[in-house]
Amino acid sequence: MKTPKCDKCSKKASITLEYGPHHYCEVHFTKFFDNRVKKTIRKYNLFKPGEKLLVAVSGGKDSLVVLHLIHKYYSQSNEIEVLIIDEGVAGYRNKAIKVAKDKCLQKKIKYKVIYFEKEFGVTNDEIMPLLKQNPKLGGTCAFCGTMRRNIMNKYAKKVKADKLITGHNLDDEVQSFVMNVFNNDFSRLIRTGARAGIIEHTGFVKRIKPLYETPEKEIIAYCAFNDIEHYSQECCPYSWSAKRNEFREMLNNFENRFPGTLFSVLRFNEKLKDNLKVSANQKKEFSKRLKECSKCSEPTEKTFCNTCELIIKLKDEKKKTKKTKPKVVTKKYNKKLTCATTKYNK
C-alpha cells in the first residue's frame, strides 16, 4: 500500500489519524498536536496569564508531555512548579521519579517529591498485602488514587497554586465516564471534565487537564517525534488489580474497529452534563455542607475525609494480619490485563 503524503506538505506522512483520516509528517503532526492542546486550554478556560501552575508529574509520557507544553508556551506568562509523588513501589517508582526529576533539572523548574510513607505512614508495597487479606476493602489503585489526590490538593494549597495540572488524556476521561455509568456513580460522573469538580471552594485547588482532548496513542507518537524522554519500561506491578483495565481494553477495541469512538463518547458526556448542570444554589448548598476533616483538615462532608477513612481501615486491617494468615488474592480481576497489555493496543 502506497504511503500517503502529509495533508500539509509534500512529504510522506509519518502518522495517520484514522478518525479523520488525517495524514501528517512529524513537523505538521507536532504543530497539530500543540495547537489542539492550546485550543483546549482556551476552550475550557483552564488557566489565565499570571496564575501559578502546579504540574503533577509521574515520569510517564502524559505528565512529561503536558509539562513540556506548559513550559514551552506558558513559562513566560505563568509561574510553574512540579509535584512528584512517591507511592512506595520498590524497583519501579524510583526509576520513573528519576526521569521526572531529571526533566525538571534540565528545564530549571522547581520541584518537590512527597512520599506516601512520610505523609500517611504506609506505602503501596505495604497496602497490597493488606488488600489481599481483605479484598472487600477495594483495589490498590483505588487507595493509591485517593491518597495521591489528597497530597496534590494539600501541596497545591501550600505553594499557593491557582491551578493543579494533571496529565489525564482523552482515553482516561472516556474510560472514567464509562466506568461511572457502569457503576451507577452519577455524582462522580458530573465532577469529571477538563476542569474537574463542580464547585469553587477555598479548600480545593481546581484540577485541570490540558490533554483532555488528546488520544493516548498520539501522545506516544509525540514523544517519539520530539525526543521526549519518559519512563515506559514497565507498568506498576499492581496495575492488574485495576478495574479500569477492563474498560480500557473494551474501548480500545471499539476505537480500533470504529475510529472516532472515543471523541464521540467524550462529546456525548459533555452534552449530557450540559443538560444536567448543577445550579448555583445547589453548588452553594454543597459548599455549605463541607467542613474540615478531623485528622488532616481537608474538605469533607463527614468527620473524616475519604483518604483518612482509608488509612483508618488499613491500620485496622494491619492489626488483624498479626492474628490471621493472608487469604488468596480475589479472582474478580483478570491478571492478564494490566496497563502494559491494554494501553498500547495498535
C-alpha atoms as a PDB file:
ATOM      1  CA  MET A   1       0.000   0.000   0.000  1.00  0.00           C
ATOM      2  CA  LYS A   2       1.347   3.411  -1.007  1.00  0.00           C
ATOM      3  CA  THR A   3       2.364   5.661   1.893  1.00  0.00           C
ATOM      4  CA  PRO A   4       0.101   8.747   1.916  1.00  0.00           C
ATOM      5  CA  LYS A   5       1.510  12.250   1.815  1.00  0.00           C
ATOM      6  CA  CYS A   6       1.196  14.759   4.626  1.00  0.00           C
ATOM      7  CA  ASP A   7      -2.027  16.803   4.442  1.00  0.00           C
ATOM      8  CA  LYS A   8       0.018  19.995   4.848  1.00  0.00           C
ATOM      9  CA  CYS A   9       3.067  19.410   2.637  1.00  0.00           C
ATOM     10  CA  SER A  10       4.517  17.067   0.011  1.00  0.00           C
ATOM     11  CA  LYS A  11       6.466  14.891   2.457  1.00  0.00           C
ATOM     12  CA  LYS A  12       5.487  11.302   3.211  1.00  0.00           C
ATOM     13  CA  ALA A  13       3.179  11.052   6.192  1.00  0.00           C
ATOM     14  CA  SER A  14       4.777   9.723   9.387  1.00  0.00           C
ATOM     15  CA  ILE A  15       1.438   9.162  11.106  1.00  0.00           C
ATOM     16  CA  THR A  16      -2.193   8.567  10.124  1.00  0.00           C
ATOM     17  CA  LEU A  17      -5.019   9.517  12.469  1.00  0.00           C
ATOM     18  CA  GLU A  18      -7.765   7.135  11.416  1.00  0.00           C
ATOM     19  CA  TYR A  19     -10.665   9.148  12.848  1.00  0.00           C
ATOM     20  CA  GLY A  20     -10.064  11.891  10.227  1.00  0.00           C
ATOM     21  CA  PRO A  21      -8.440  10.399   8.467  1.00  0.00           C
ATOM     22  CA  HIS A  22      -5.544  12.840   8.799  1.00  0.00           C
ATOM     23  CA  HIS A  23      -2.032  12.266   7.476  1.00  0.00           C
ATOM     24  CA  TYR A  24       0.909  14.226   8.879  1.00  0.00           C
ATOM     25  CA  CYS A  25       4.674  14.361   8.668  1.00  0.00           C
ATOM     26  CA  GLU A  26       6.463  14.731  12.007  1.00  0.00           C
ATOM     27  CA  VAL A  27       6.656  18.536  11.796  1.00  0.00           C
ATOM     28  CA  HIS A  28       2.994  19.080  10.965  1.00  0.00           C
ATOM     29  CA  PHE A  29       1.807  16.462  13.435  1.00  0.00           C
ATOM     30  CA  THR A  30       3.699  18.323  16.167  1.00  0.00           C
ATOM     31  CA  LYS A  31       2.026  21.596  15.132  1.00  0.00           C
ATOM     32  CA  PHE A  32      -1.390  19.895  15.041  1.00  0.00           C
ATOM     33  CA  PHE A  33      -0.792  18.363  18.483  1.00  0.00           C
ATOM     34  CA  ASP A  34       0.454  21.601  20.063  1.00  0.00           C
ATOM     35  CA  ASN A  35      -2.403  23.647  18.604  1.00  0.00           C
ATOM     36  CA  ARG A  36      -5.039  21.236  19.890  1.00  0.00           C
ATOM     37  CA  VAL A  37      -3.671  21.430  23.437  1.00  0.00           C
ATOM     38  CA  LYS A  38      -3.553  25.237  23.292  1.00  0.00           C
ATOM     39  CA  LYS A  39      -7.101  25.256  21.895  1.00  0.00           C
ATOM     40  CA  THR A  40      -8.259  23.010  24.766  1.00  0.00           C
ATOM     41  CA  ILE A  41      -6.755  25.435  27.283  1.00  0.00           C
ATOM     42  CA  ARG A  42      -8.598  28.358  25.651  1.00  0.00           C
ATOM     43  CA  LYS A  43     -11.867  26.488  25.042  1.00  0.00           C
ATOM     44  CA  TYR A  44     -12.291  25.410  28.657  1.00  0.00           C
ATOM     45  CA  ASN A  45     -10.591  28.480  30.153  1.00  0.00           C
ATOM     46  CA  LEU A  46      -8.207  26.225  32.053  1.00  0.00           C
ATOM     47  CA  PHE A  47      -5.913  28.980  33.297  1.00  0.00           C
ATOM     48  CA  LYS A  48      -5.017  32.628  32.764  1.00  0.00           C
ATOM     49  CA  PRO A  49      -1.734  34.533  32.460  1.00  0.00           C
ATOM     50  CA  GLY A  50      -0.276  35.310  35.868  1.00  0.00           C
ATOM     51  CA  GLU A  51      -1.742  32.267  37.608  1.00  0.00           C
ATOM     52  CA  LYS A  52       0.632  29.894  39.378  1.00  0.00           C
ATOM     53  CA  LEU A  53       0.536  26.384  37.904  1.00  0.00           C
ATOM     54  CA  LEU A  54       1.449  23.234  39.806  1.00  0.00           C
ATOM     55  CA  VAL A  55       2.060  20.292  37.456  1.00  0.00           C
ATOM     56  CA  ALA A  56       1.731  16.773  38.875  1.00  0.00           C
ATOM     57  CA  VAL A  57       4.474  14.732  37.185  1.00  0.00           C
ATOM     58  CA  SER A  58       4.897  10.974  37.472  1.00  0.00           C
ATOM     59  CA  GLY A  59       7.687  10.484  34.951  1.00  0.00           C
ATOM     60  CA  GLY A  60       5.387   8.827  32.418  1.00  0.00           C
ATOM     61  CA  LYS A  61       4.572  10.073  28.926  1.00  0.00           C
ATOM     62  CA  ASP A  62       1.372  12.006  29.741  1.00  0.00           C
ATOM     63  CA  SER A  63       2.687  14.133  32.582  1.00  0.00           C
ATOM     64  CA  LEU A  64       6.005  14.844  30.852  1.00  0.00           C
ATOM     65  CA  VAL A  65       4.288  15.874  27.616  1.00  0.00           C
ATOM     66  CA  VAL A  66       1.962  18.240  29.454  1.00  0.00           C
ATOM     67  CA  LEU A  67       4.947  19.670  31.386  1.00  0.00           C
ATOM     68  CA  HIS A  68       6.839  20.072  28.102  1.00  0.00           C
ATOM     69  CA  LEU A  69       3.965  22.023  26.530  1.00  0.00           C
ATOM     70  CA  ILE A  70       3.152  24.157  29.570  1.00  0.00           C
ATOM     71  CA  HIS A  71       6.818  25.124  29.879  1.00  0.00           C
ATOM     72  CA  LYS A  72       7.190  25.671  26.107  1.00  0.00           C
ATOM     73  CA  TYR A  73       4.229  28.013  25.704  1.00  0.00           C
ATOM     74  CA  TYR A  74       3.421  29.447  29.136  1.00  0.00           C
ATOM     75  CA  SER A  75       6.648  29.718  31.151  1.00  0.00           C
ATOM     76  CA  GLN A  76       6.861  33.429  30.298  1.00  0.00           C
ATOM     77  CA  SER A  77       3.313  34.186  31.441  1.00  0.00           C
ATOM     78  CA  ASN A  78       2.884  31.791  34.376  1.00  0.00           C
ATOM     79  CA  GLU A  79       4.926  30.564  37.320  1.00  0.00           C
ATOM     80  CA  ILE A  80       5.368  26.781  37.034  1.00  0.00           C
ATOM     81  CA  GLU A  81       6.215  24.302  39.762  1.00  0.00           C
ATOM     82  CA  VAL A  82       6.232  20.488  39.758  1.00  0.00           C
ATOM     83  CA  LEU A  83       4.945  17.964  42.286  1.00  0.00           C
ATOM     84  CA  ILE A  84       6.252  14.376  42.210  1.00  0.00           C
ATOM     85  CA  ILE A  85       4.656  11.718  44.408  1.00  0.00           C
ATOM     86  CA  ASP A  86       6.457   8.568  45.553  1.00  0.00           C
ATOM     87  CA  GLU A  87       3.804   5.980  46.385  1.00  0.00           C
ATOM     88  CA  GLY A  88       6.385   3.461  47.559  1.00  0.00           C
ATOM     89  CA  VAL A  89       6.703   0.666  44.976  1.00  0.00           C
ATOM     90  CA  ALA A  90      10.209  -0.779  45.246  1.00  0.00           C
ATOM     91  CA  GLY A  91      12.109  -1.277  41.991  1.00  0.00           C
ATOM     92  CA  TYR A  92       9.526   0.641  39.955  1.00  0.00           C
ATOM     93  CA  ARG A  93       8.639   4.082  41.278  1.00  0.00           C
ATOM     94  CA  ASN A  94      12.208   5.259  41.851  1.00  0.00           C
ATOM     95  CA  LYS A  95      13.014   4.803  38.146  1.00  0.00           C
ATOM     96  CA  ALA A  96      10.124   6.962  36.962  1.00  0.00           C
ATOM     97  CA  ILE A  97      10.839   9.590  39.606  1.00  0.00           C
ATOM     98  CA  LYS A  98      14.448   9.896  38.393  1.00  0.00           C
ATOM     99  CA  VAL A  99      13.193  10.669  34.873  1.00  0.00           C
ATOM    100  CA  ALA A 100      10.796  13.285  36.269  1.00  0.00           C
ATOM    101  CA  LYS A 101      13.485  14.935  38.410  1.00  0.00           C
ATOM    102  CA  ASP A 102      15.976  14.959  35.514  1.00  0.00           C
ATOM    103  CA  LYS A 103      13.415  16.745  33.318  1.00  0.00           C
ATOM    104  CA  CYS A 104      12.811  19.389  35.986  1.00  0.00           C
ATOM    105  CA  LEU A 105      16.539  19.950  36.444  1.00  0.00           C
ATOM    106  CA  GLN A 106      17.016  20.188  32.678  1.00  0.00           C
ATOM    107  CA  LYS A 107      14.297  22.837  32.350  1.00  0.00           C
ATOM    108  CA  LYS A 108      15.223  24.518  35.665  1.00  0.00           C
ATOM    109  CA  ILE A 109      11.758  24.005  37.114  1.00  0.00           C
ATOM    110  CA  LYS A 110      11.306  23.912  40.880  1.00  0.00           C
ATOM    111  CA  TYR A 111      10.024  20.540  42.107  1.00  0.00           C
ATOM    112  CA  LYS A 112       9.094  18.715  45.293  1.00  0.00           C
ATOM    113  CA  VAL A 113       8.921  14.969  45.969  1.00  0.00           C
ATOM    114  CA  ILE A 114       6.365  13.858  48.559  1.00  0.00           C
ATOM    115  CA  TYR A 115       6.372  10.312  49.927  1.00  0.00           C
ATOM    116  CA  PHE A 116       3.360   8.195  50.909  1.00  0.00           C
ATOM    117  CA  GLU A 117       5.422   6.780  53.761  1.00  0.00           C
ATOM    118  CA  LYS A 118       6.081  10.198  55.310  1.00  0.00           C
ATOM    119  CA  GLU A 119       2.608  11.556  54.566  1.00  0.00           C
ATOM    120  CA  PHE A 120       0.481   8.560  55.559  1.00  0.00           C
ATOM    121  CA  GLY A 121       2.835   6.146  57.319  1.00  0.00           C
ATOM    122  CA  VAL A 122       2.245   3.473  54.676  1.00  0.00           C
ATOM    123  CA  THR A 123       3.470   2.576  51.162  1.00  0.00           C
ATOM    124  CA  ASN A 124       1.778   0.815  48.258  1.00  0.00           C
ATOM    125  CA  ASP A 125       4.032  -2.181  48.930  1.00  0.00           C
ATOM    126  CA  GLU A 126       2.519  -2.372  52.414  1.00  0.00           C
ATOM    127  CA  ILE A 127      -1.037  -1.705  51.244  1.00  0.00           C
ATOM    128  CA  MET A 128      -1.199  -4.557  48.716  1.00  0.00           C
ATOM    129  CA  PRO A 129      -0.779  -7.459  51.198  1.00  0.00           C
ATOM    130  CA  LEU A 130      -3.482  -5.929  53.406  1.00  0.00           C
ATOM    131  CA  LEU A 131      -5.905  -5.773  50.489  1.00  0.00           C
ATOM    132  CA  LYS A 132      -5.063  -9.358  49.584  1.00  0.00           C
ATOM    133  CA  GLN A 133      -6.111 -10.354  53.056  1.00  0.00           C
ATOM    134  CA  ASN A 134      -9.385  -8.459  52.807  1.00  0.00           C
ATOM    135  CA  PRO A 135     -10.434  -7.874  49.146  1.00  0.00           C
ATOM    136  CA  LYS A 136     -13.626  -6.194  50.328  1.00  0.00           C
ATOM    137  CA  LEU A 137     -11.565  -3.114  51.186  1.00  0.00           C
ATOM    138  CA  GLY A 138     -11.034  -2.463  47.457  1.00  0.00           C
ATOM    139  CA  GLY A 139      -8.159  -2.382  44.983  1.00  0.00           C
ATOM    140  CA  THR A 140      -4.694  -0.908  45.352  1.00  0.00           C
ATOM    141  CA  CYS A 141      -5.308   1.620  42.567  1.00  0.00           C
ATOM    142  CA  ALA A 142      -8.408   2.988  44.304  1.00  0.00           C
ATOM    143  CA  PHE A 143      -6.436   3.537  47.513  1.00  0.00           C
ATOM    144  CA  CYS A 144      -3.465   4.986  45.654  1.00  0.00           C
ATOM    145  CA  GLY A 145      -5.565   7.383  43.573  1.00  0.00           C
ATOM    146  CA  THR A 146      -7.429   8.753  46.598  1.00  0.00           C
ATOM    147  CA  MET A 147      -4.209   9.287  48.529  1.00  0.00           C
ATOM    148  CA  ARG A 148      -2.477  10.955  45.574  1.00  0.00           C
ATOM    149  CA  ARG A 149      -5.352  13.403  45.120  1.00  0.00           C
ATOM    150  CA  ASN A 150      -5.154  14.232  48.822  1.00  0.00           C
ATOM    151  CA  ILE A 151      -1.450  15.058  48.544  1.00  0.00           C
ATOM    152  CA  MET A 152      -1.898  17.055  45.336  1.00  0.00           C
ATOM    153  CA  ASN A 153      -4.613  19.254  46.783  1.00  0.00           C
ATOM    154  CA  LYS A 154      -2.790  19.842  50.082  1.00  0.00           C
ATOM    155  CA  TYR A 155       0.510  20.697  48.404  1.00  0.00           C
ATOM    156  CA  ALA A 156      -1.163  22.931  45.799  1.00  0.00           C
ATOM    157  CA  LYS A 157      -2.658  24.960  48.649  1.00  0.00           C
ATOM    158  CA  LYS A 158       0.676  25.012  50.464  1.00  0.00           C
ATOM    159  CA  VAL A 159       2.512  26.583  47.497  1.00  0.00           C
ATOM    160  CA  LYS A 160      -0.457  28.857  46.726  1.00  0.00           C
ATOM    161  CA  ALA A 161      -1.025  27.393  43.255  1.00  0.00           C
ATOM    162  CA  ASP A 162      -4.015  28.726  41.350  1.00  0.00           C
ATOM    163  CA  LYS A 163      -4.419  25.569  39.247  1.00  0.00           C
ATOM    164  CA  LEU A 164      -3.259  21.966  39.540  1.00  0.00           C
ATOM    165  CA  ILE A 165      -2.391  20.362  36.192  1.00  0.00           C
ATOM    166  CA  THR A 166      -2.587  16.610  35.625  1.00  0.00           C
ATOM    167  CA  GLY A 167      -1.730  14.531  32.550  1.00  0.00           C
ATOM    168  CA  HIS A 168      -5.151  12.905  32.093  1.00  0.00           C
ATOM    169  CA  ASN A 169      -5.808  12.343  28.393  1.00  0.00           C
ATOM    170  CA  LEU A 170      -8.839  11.606  26.176  1.00  0.00           C
ATOM    171  CA  ASP A 171      -8.646   7.865  26.826  1.00  0.00           C
ATOM    172  CA  ASP A 172      -8.548   8.391  30.601  1.00  0.00           C
ATOM    173  CA  GLU A 173     -11.568  10.688  30.516  1.00  0.00           C
ATOM    174  CA  VAL A 174     -13.702   8.390  28.364  1.00  0.00           C
ATOM    175  CA  GLN A 175     -12.780   5.374  30.492  1.00  0.00           C
ATOM    176  CA  SER A 176     -13.821   7.271  33.626  1.00  0.00           C
ATOM    177  CA  PHE A 177     -17.151   8.252  32.059  1.00  0.00           C
ATOM    178  CA  VAL A 178     -17.985   4.683  31.039  1.00  0.00           C
ATOM    179  CA  MET A 179     -16.878   3.319  34.415  1.00  0.00           C
ATOM    180  CA  ASN A 180     -19.155   5.800  36.193  1.00  0.00           C
ATOM    181  CA  VAL A 181     -22.071   4.697  34.000  1.00  0.00           C
ATOM    182  CA  PHE A 182     -21.419   1.014  34.722  1.00  0.00           C
ATOM    183  CA  ASN A 183     -21.004   1.762  38.438  1.00  0.00           C
ATOM    184  CA  ASN A 184     -24.140   3.942  38.575  1.00  0.00           C
ATOM    185  CA  ASP A 185     -21.953   6.689  40.068  1.00  0.00           C
ATOM    186  CA  PHE A 186     -23.724   9.845  38.892  1.00  0.00           C
ATOM    187  CA  SER A 187     -22.175  12.163  41.474  1.00  0.00           C
ATOM    188  CA  ARG A 188     -18.679  11.228  40.317  1.00  0.00           C
ATOM    189  CA  LEU A 189     -19.691  11.485  36.658  1.00  0.00           C
ATOM    190  CA  ILE A 190     -20.755  15.135  36.892  1.00  0.00           C
ATOM    191  CA  ARG A 191     -17.463  16.040  38.592  1.00  0.00           C
ATOM    192  CA  THR A 192     -15.367  14.900  35.595  1.00  0.00           C
ATOM    193  CA  GLY A 193     -14.245  17.180  32.787  1.00  0.00           C
ATOM    194  CA  ALA A 194     -11.393  19.356  31.577  1.00  0.00           C
ATOM    195  CA  ARG A 195     -11.927  21.323  34.801  1.00  0.00           C
ATOM    196  CA  ALA A 196     -12.572  18.677  37.454  1.00  0.00           C
ATOM    197  CA  GLY A 197     -15.161  19.344  40.154  1.00  0.00           C
ATOM    198  CA  ILE A 198     -18.435  21.266  40.201  1.00  0.00           C
ATOM    199  CA  ILE A 199     -17.895  23.917  42.884  1.00  0.00           C
ATOM    200  CA  GLU A 200     -15.414  26.642  43.708  1.00  0.00           C
ATOM    201  CA  HIS A 201     -14.222  26.264  47.310  1.00  0.00           C
ATOM    202  CA  THR A 202     -11.200  27.625  49.143  1.00  0.00           C
ATOM    203  CA  GLY A 203     -10.389  24.103  50.320  1.00  0.00           C
ATOM    204  CA  PHE A 204      -9.918  22.831  46.760  1.00  0.00           C
ATOM    205  CA  VAL A 205      -7.407  23.875  44.121  1.00  0.00           C
ATOM    206  CA  LYS A 206      -9.015  23.446  40.709  1.00  0.00           C
ATOM    207  CA  ARG A 207      -7.609  20.437  38.821  1.00  0.00           C
ATOM    208  CA  ILE A 208      -7.287  20.947  35.057  1.00  0.00           C
ATOM    209  CA  LYS A 209      -6.439  18.643  32.142  1.00  0.00           C
ATOM    210  CA  PRO A 210      -4.796  20.217  29.062  1.00  0.00           C
ATOM    211  CA  LEU A 211      -4.629  16.756  27.372  1.00  0.00           C
ATOM    212  CA  TYR A 212      -8.392  16.276  27.832  1.00  0.00           C
ATOM    213  CA  GLU A 213      -8.981  16.075  24.049  1.00  0.00           C
ATOM    214  CA  THR A 214      -5.745  14.276  23.166  1.00  0.00           C
ATOM    215  CA  PRO A 215      -5.723  10.496  22.428  1.00  0.00           C
ATOM    216  CA  GLU A 216      -3.133   8.397  24.218  1.00  0.00           C
ATOM    217  CA  LYS A 217      -1.677   6.932  21.015  1.00  0.00           C
ATOM    218  CA  GLU A 218      -0.900  10.407  19.759  1.00  0.00           C
ATOM    219  CA  ILE A 219       0.920  11.225  22.991  1.00  0.00           C
ATOM    220  CA  ILE A 220       3.136   8.194  22.406  1.00  0.00           C
ATOM    221  CA  ALA A 221       3.855   9.367  18.841  1.00  0.00           C
ATOM    222  CA  TYR A 222       4.522  12.924  20.041  1.00  0.00           C
ATOM    223  CA  CYS A 223       7.146  11.656  22.490  1.00  0.00           C
ATOM    224  CA  ALA A 224       8.843   9.676  19.717  1.00  0.00           C
ATOM    225  CA  PHE A 225       8.820  12.541  17.186  1.00  0.00           C
ATOM    226  CA  ASN A 226      10.032  15.138  19.704  1.00  0.00           C
ATOM    227  CA  ASP A 227      12.519  13.027  21.686  1.00  0.00           C
ATOM    228  CA  ILE A 228      10.681  13.489  24.968  1.00  0.00           C
ATOM    229  CA  GLU A 229      12.284  11.054  27.375  1.00  0.00           C
ATOM    230  CA  HIS A 230       9.815   9.356  29.690  1.00  0.00           C
ATOM    231  CA  TYR A 231       9.606   6.215  31.766  1.00  0.00           C
ATOM    232  CA  SER A 232       7.953   3.377  29.827  1.00  0.00           C
ATOM    233  CA  GLN A 233       9.911   0.250  30.719  1.00  0.00           C
ATOM    234  CA  GLU A 234       7.137  -1.355  32.766  1.00  0.00           C
ATOM    235  CA  CYS A 235       3.809  -0.548  34.354  1.00  0.00           C
ATOM    236  CA  CYS A 236       3.054  -0.566  38.065  1.00  0.00           C
ATOM    237  CA  PRO A 237       3.259  -4.172  39.337  1.00  0.00           C
ATOM    238  CA  TYR A 238      -0.152  -3.700  40.976  1.00  0.00           C
ATOM    239  CA  SER A 239      -1.927  -2.433  37.846  1.00  0.00           C
ATOM    240  CA  TRP A 240      -3.551  -5.823  37.241  1.00  0.00           C
ATOM    241  CA  SER A 241      -5.890  -5.069  40.158  1.00  0.00           C
ATOM    242  CA  ALA A 242      -7.388  -2.017  38.417  1.00  0.00           C
ATOM    243  CA  LYS A 243     -10.928  -2.414  37.134  1.00  0.00           C
ATOM    244  CA  ARG A 244     -10.083   0.313  34.612  1.00  0.00           C
ATOM    245  CA  ASN A 245      -8.061  -2.192  32.563  1.00  0.00           C
ATOM    246  CA  GLU A 246     -11.273  -3.984  31.557  1.00  0.00           C
ATOM    247  CA  PHE A 247     -12.812  -0.742  30.285  1.00  0.00           C
ATOM    248  CA  ARG A 248      -9.601   0.338  28.553  1.00  0.00           C
ATOM    249  CA  GLU A 249      -9.465  -2.908  26.605  1.00  0.00           C
ATOM    250  CA  MET A 250     -13.132  -2.664  25.627  1.00  0.00           C
ATOM    251  CA  LEU A 251     -12.862   0.951  24.451  1.00  0.00           C
ATOM    252  CA  ASN A 252      -9.599   0.295  22.595  1.00  0.00           C
ATOM    253  CA  ASN A 253     -11.309  -2.494  20.661  1.00  0.00           C
ATOM    254  CA  PHE A 254     -14.155  -0.156  19.687  1.00  0.00           C
ATOM    255  CA  GLU A 255     -11.758   2.636  18.697  1.00  0.00           C
ATOM    256  CA  ASN A 256      -9.712   0.258  16.539  1.00  0.00           C
ATOM    257  CA  ARG A 257     -12.834  -1.006  14.751  1.00  0.00           C
ATOM    258  CA  PHE A 258     -14.709   2.292  14.663  1.00  0.00           C
ATOM    259  CA  PRO A 259     -12.215   5.212  14.660  1.00  0.00           C
ATOM    260  CA  GLY A 260     -13.589   8.270  16.414  1.00  0.00           C
ATOM    261  CA  THR A 261     -15.441   6.321  19.112  1.00  0.00           C
ATOM    262  CA  LEU A 262     -13.518   8.000  21.944  1.00  0.00           C
ATOM    263  CA  PHE A 263     -14.306  11.501  20.674  1.00  0.00           C
ATOM    264  CA  SER A 264     -17.982  10.544  20.241  1.00  0.00           C
ATOM    265  CA  VAL A 265     -18.227   9.317  23.844  1.00  0.00           C
ATOM    266  CA  LEU A 266     -16.477  12.465  25.120  1.00  0.00           C
ATOM    267  CA  ARG A 267     -18.906  14.753  23.247  1.00  0.00           C
ATOM    268  CA  PHE A 268     -21.895  12.742  24.497  1.00  0.00           C
ATOM    269  CA  ASN A 269     -20.572  13.095  28.037  1.00  0.00           C
ATOM    270  CA  GLU A 270     -20.292  16.866  27.612  1.00  0.00           C
ATOM    271  CA  LYS A 271     -23.792  17.210  26.150  1.00  0.00           C
ATOM    272  CA  LEU A 272     -25.177  15.123  28.985  1.00  0.00           C
ATOM    273  CA  LYS A 273     -23.553  17.323  31.605  1.00  0.00           C
ATOM    274  CA  ASP A 274     -24.710  20.496  29.810  1.00  0.00           C
ATOM    275  CA  ASN A 275     -28.281  19.287  30.211  1.00  0.00           C
ATOM    276  CA  LEU A 276     -27.751  18.286  33.830  1.00  0.00           C
ATOM    277  CA  LYS A 277     -25.903  21.324  35.077  1.00  0.00           C
ATOM    278  CA  VAL A 278     -25.798  21.823  38.800  1.00  0.00           C
ATOM    279  CA  SER A 279     -27.490  25.102  39.698  1.00  0.00           C
ATOM    280  CA  ALA A 280     -25.743  27.894  41.589  1.00  0.00           C
ATOM    281  CA  ASN A 281     -27.986  27.229  44.588  1.00  0.00           C
ATOM    282  CA  GLN A 282     -27.081  23.527  44.570  1.00  0.00           C
ATOM    283  CA  LYS A 283     -23.393  24.424  44.459  1.00  0.00           C
ATOM    284  CA  LYS A 284     -23.841  26.762  47.415  1.00  0.00           C
ATOM    285  CA  GLU A 285     -25.690  24.099  49.388  1.00  0.00           C
ATOM    286  CA  PHE A 286     -22.970  21.550  48.661  1.00  0.00           C
ATOM    287  CA  SER A 287     -20.283  24.038  49.658  1.00  0.00           C
ATOM    288  CA  LYS A 288     -22.070  24.745  52.952  1.00  0.00           C
ATOM    289  CA  ARG A 289     -22.009  21.038  53.835  1.00  0.00           C
ATOM    290  CA  LEU A 290     -18.231  20.909  53.599  1.00  0.00           C
ATOM    291  CA  LYS A 291     -16.161  21.073  56.765  1.00  0.00           C
ATOM    292  CA  GLU A 292     -12.592  20.269  57.753  1.00  0.00           C
ATOM    293  CA  CYS A 293     -11.509  16.653  58.203  1.00  0.00           C
ATOM    294  CA  SER A 294     -10.832  15.978  61.885  1.00  0.00           C
ATOM    295  CA  LYS A 295      -7.461  14.454  61.020  1.00  0.00           C
ATOM    296  CA  CYS A 296      -5.954  16.313  58.056  1.00  0.00           C
ATOM    297  CA  SER A 297      -8.207  19.399  57.728  1.00  0.00           C
ATOM    298  CA  GLU A 298      -9.031  18.673  54.073  1.00  0.00           C
ATOM    299  CA  PRO A 299     -12.614  19.500  52.930  1.00  0.00           C
ATOM    300  CA  THR A 300     -15.191  16.758  53.576  1.00  0.00           C
ATOM    301  CA  GLU A 301     -18.871  16.263  54.361  1.00  0.00           C
ATOM    302  CA  LYS A 302     -18.026  13.694  57.031  1.00  0.00           C
ATOM    303  CA  THR A 303     -15.943  13.577  60.181  1.00  0.00           C
ATOM    304  CA  PHE A 304     -13.003  12.184  58.215  1.00  0.00           C
ATOM    305  CA  CYS A 305     -12.157  12.717  54.535  1.00  0.00           C
ATOM    306  CA  ASN A 306     -12.002   9.714  52.188  1.00  0.00           C
ATOM    307  CA  THR A 307      -8.225   9.461  52.498  1.00  0.00           C
ATOM    308  CA  CYS A 308      -8.211   9.412  56.288  1.00  0.00           C
ATOM    309  CA  GLU A 309     -11.021   6.846  56.297  1.00  0.00           C
ATOM    310  CA  LEU A 310      -8.903   4.597  54.072  1.00  0.00           C
ATOM    311  CA  ILE A 311      -5.873   4.999  56.349  1.00  0.00           C
ATOM    312  CA  ILE A 312      -8.006   4.054  59.362  1.00  0.00           C
ATOM    313  CA  LYS A 313      -9.220   0.922  57.541  1.00  0.00           C
ATOM    314  CA  LEU A 314      -5.642  -0.005  56.633  1.00  0.00           C
ATOM    315  CA  LYS A 315      -4.484   0.345  60.237  1.00  0.00           C
ATOM    316  CA  ASP A 316      -7.378  -1.807  61.435  1.00  0.00           C
ATOM    317  CA  GLU A 317      -6.540  -4.442  58.838  1.00  0.00           C
ATOM    318  CA  LYS A 318      -2.869  -4.314  59.816  1.00  0.00           C
ATOM    319  CA  LYS A 319      -3.810  -5.286  63.373  1.00  0.00           C
ATOM    320  CA  LYS A 320      -5.743  -8.290  62.044  1.00  0.00           C
ATOM    321  CA  THR A 321      -2.807  -9.554  59.955  1.00  0.00           C
ATOM    322  CA  LYS A 322      -0.950 -10.432  63.116  1.00  0.00           C
ATOM    323  CA  LYS A 323      -3.733 -12.839  64.065  1.00  0.00           C
ATOM    324  CA  THR A 324      -4.692 -14.410  60.739  1.00  0.00           C
ATOM    325  CA  LYS A 325      -2.996 -15.796  57.633  1.00  0.00           C
ATOM    326  CA  PRO A 326      -3.365 -13.822  54.377  1.00  0.00           C
ATOM    327  CA  LYS A 327      -6.141 -15.055  52.084  1.00  0.00           C
ATOM    328  CA  VAL A 328      -5.769 -15.923  48.398  1.00  0.00           C
ATOM    329  CA  VAL A 329      -5.981 -12.949  46.038  1.00  0.00           C
ATOM    330  CA  THR A 330      -9.521 -12.291  44.805  1.00  0.00           C
ATOM    331  CA  LYS A 331     -10.354 -13.780  41.398  1.00  0.00           C
ATOM    332  CA  LYS A 332     -12.569 -10.906  40.286  1.00  0.00           C
ATOM    333  CA  TYR A 333      -9.674  -9.299  38.378  1.00  0.00           C
ATOM    334  CA  ASN A 334      -8.127 -10.602  35.167  1.00  0.00           C
ATOM    335  CA  LYS A 335      -4.412 -10.651  35.956  1.00  0.00           C
ATOM    336  CA  LYS A 336      -3.598 -10.767  32.227  1.00  0.00           C
ATOM    337  CA  LEU A 337      -4.995  -7.251  31.855  1.00  0.00           C
ATOM    338  CA  THR A 338      -2.514  -4.632  33.042  1.00  0.00           C
ATOM    339  CA  CYS A 339      -1.551  -1.131  31.918  1.00  0.00           C
ATOM    340  CA  ALA A 340       1.034  -2.708  29.629  1.00  0.00           C
ATOM    341  CA  THR A 341      -1.377  -5.133  27.927  1.00  0.00           C
ATOM    342  CA  THR A 342      -4.252  -2.684  27.472  1.00  0.00           C
ATOM    343  CA  LYS A 343      -2.657   0.737  26.936  1.00  0.00           C
ATOM    344  CA  TYR A 344      -0.724   0.161  23.772  1.00  0.00           C
ATOM    345  CA  ASN A 345      -3.128  -1.713  21.506  1.00  0.00           C
ATOM    346  CA  LYS A 346      -2.486  -0.943  17.857  1.00  0.00           C
END
